[in-house]
Amino acid sequence: MAIGRRAGAYICGVDAAMDVIGGKWKVLILWELSLRPYRFGELRRALAGITEKVLAAHLRELEADGIVHRQEYDEVPPRVEYSLTPRGVALNEALEPLAAWGKVNVLGQAPEPAA
């Protein structure tokens, strides 16, 4: 299923992927959600420096792109949890080599041994 918010065709797959994960916070949101489902306030506290407005906007965009699932519970007070969809899990798996590159080439950490 092709998803695209931008008008016109993408140049390549990297262009399309960057449209989905572009921005300062989206990759960090994906990283946190890979650990466990979060409620909005928990996620905001886990991402020091993000504003409520930006987090809400990014979560809406990621949900629209099929990356994040928003689960509403019929409780009082209302409860909403965010988690990754299978597409979001696959995206995180695709980002793992980029994270490994950053650890070695930017942070100067030793590469992890191959499994």
Protein backbone atom coordinates (compact mmCIF):
# COMPACT_ATOMS: atom_id res chain seq x y z
CA MET A 1 0.00 0.00 0.00
CA ALA A 2 1.62 3.24 -1.12
CA ILE A 3 1.24 6.14 1.25
CA GLY A 4 2.22 9.66 0.39
CA ARG A 5 1.35 13.02 1.81
CA ARG A 6 3.40 15.02 -0.66
CA ALA A 7 1.99 16.01 -4.01
CA GLY A 8 3.79 14.58 -7.03
CA ALA A 9 5.95 11.52 -7.47
CA TYR A 10 8.90 10.56 -5.31
CA ILE A 11 12.30 10.40 -6.93
CA CYS A 12 13.32 7.18 -5.14
CA GLY A 13 12.58 5.01 -2.12
CA VAL A 14 14.86 7.05 0.13
CA ASP A 15 12.91 10.17 -0.82
CA ALA A 16 9.64 8.45 0.10
CA ALA A 17 11.03 7.10 3.40
CA MET A 18 12.44 10.50 4.36
CA ASP A 19 9.00 12.02 3.80
CA VAL A 20 7.66 9.63 6.45
CA ILE A 21 10.47 10.00 9.03
CA GLY A 22 11.60 13.55 8.27
CA GLY A 23 11.81 16.00 11.13
CA LYS A 24 13.73 16.24 14.35
CA TRP A 25 11.50 14.03 16.49
CA LYS A 26 9.92 11.27 14.40
CA VAL A 27 12.83 8.83 14.56
CA LEU A 28 13.08 9.36 18.32
CA ILE A 29 9.34 8.72 18.67
CA LEU A 30 9.78 5.49 16.69
CA TRP A 31 12.70 4.47 18.90
CA GLU A 32 10.71 4.98 22.10
CA LEU A 33 7.67 3.16 20.75
CA SER A 34 9.89 0.21 19.81
CA LEU A 35 10.46 -0.34 23.52
CA ARG A 36 6.79 -0.51 24.55
CA PRO A 37 3.40 1.19 24.06
CA TYR A 38 3.20 4.66 25.60
CA ARG A 39 0.48 6.99 26.73
CA PHE A 40 0.83 10.53 25.38
CA GLY A 41 2.15 12.06 28.60
CA GLU A 42 4.63 9.23 29.15
CA LEU A 43 5.96 9.64 25.63
CA ARG A 44 6.29 13.39 26.07
CA ARG A 45 8.30 12.91 29.28
CA ALA A 46 10.50 10.29 27.58
CA LEU A 47 11.37 12.77 24.81
CA ALA A 48 12.90 15.66 26.73
CA GLY A 49 12.43 18.92 24.87
CA ILE A 50 9.51 18.02 22.61
CA THR A 51 6.45 20.22 22.89
CA GLU A 52 2.94 18.86 23.25
CA LYS A 53 1.95 20.47 19.94
CA VAL A 54 4.83 18.93 17.98
CA LEU A 55 4.35 15.49 19.56
CA ALA A 56 0.64 15.50 18.76
CA ALA A 57 1.31 16.59 15.16
CA HIS A 58 4.00 13.94 14.61
CA LEU A 59 1.86 11.19 16.12
CA ARG A 60 -1.04 12.18 13.82
CA GLU A 61 1.27 12.08 10.78
CA LEU A 62 2.79 8.74 11.77
CA GLU A 63 -0.69 7.34 12.35
CA ALA A 64 -1.83 8.60 8.93
CA ASP A 65 1.21 6.90 7.36
CA GLY A 66 0.35 3.59 9.03
CA ILE A 67 3.45 3.62 11.25
CA VAL A 68 1.82 4.23 14.65
CA HIS A 69 -1.38 2.74 16.07
CA ARG A 70 -3.54 4.86 18.39
CA GLN A 71 -5.62 2.75 20.78
CA GLU A 72 -8.44 4.49 22.62
CA TYR A 73 -9.84 2.81 25.73
CA ASP A 74 -13.41 3.45 26.85
CA GLU A 75 -12.55 4.44 30.40
CA VAL A 76 -12.97 7.39 32.71
CA PRO A 77 -10.68 9.24 32.57
CA PRO A 78 -10.07 8.52 28.87
CA ARG A 79 -6.90 6.58 28.09
CA VAL A 80 -5.04 6.47 24.79
CA GLU A 81 -1.94 4.39 24.03
CA TYR A 82 0.39 4.61 21.06
CA SER A 83 2.28 1.63 19.67
CA LEU A 84 4.01 0.61 16.46
CA THR A 85 2.15 -1.12 13.67
CA PRO A 86 3.90 -3.94 11.77
CA ARG A 87 4.88 -1.28 9.23
CA GLY A 88 6.42 0.77 12.07
CA VAL A 89 8.35 -2.26 13.34
CA ALA A 90 9.67 -2.85 9.81
CA LEU A 91 10.68 0.82 9.57
CA ASN A 92 12.60 0.59 12.86
CA GLU A 93 14.36 -2.53 11.56
CA ALA A 94 15.35 -0.58 8.44
CA LEU A 95 16.75 2.22 10.64
CA GLU A 96 18.96 -0.14 12.70
CA PRO A 97 21.92 0.00 10.24
CA LEU A 98 21.71 3.79 10.30
CA ALA A 99 21.82 3.72 14.11
CA ALA A 100 24.86 1.40 13.99
CA TRP A 101 26.59 3.77 11.56
CA GLY A 102 25.91 6.72 13.88
CA LYS A 103 27.33 4.88 16.90
CA VAL A 104 30.57 4.09 15.09
CA ASN A 105 31.08 7.16 12.90
CA VAL A 106 29.57 9.96 14.98
CA LEU A 107 29.67 8.77 18.60
CA GLY A 108 32.95 6.90 18.16
CA GLN A 109 31.70 3.70 19.79
CA ALA A 110 33.14 0.32 18.86
CA PRO A 111 31.03 -1.59 16.33
CA GLU A 112 28.85 -4.32 17.81
CA PRO A 113 29.98 -7.86 17.02
CA ALA A 114 28.02 -9.71 14.36
CA ALA A 115 25.48 -12.18 15.69
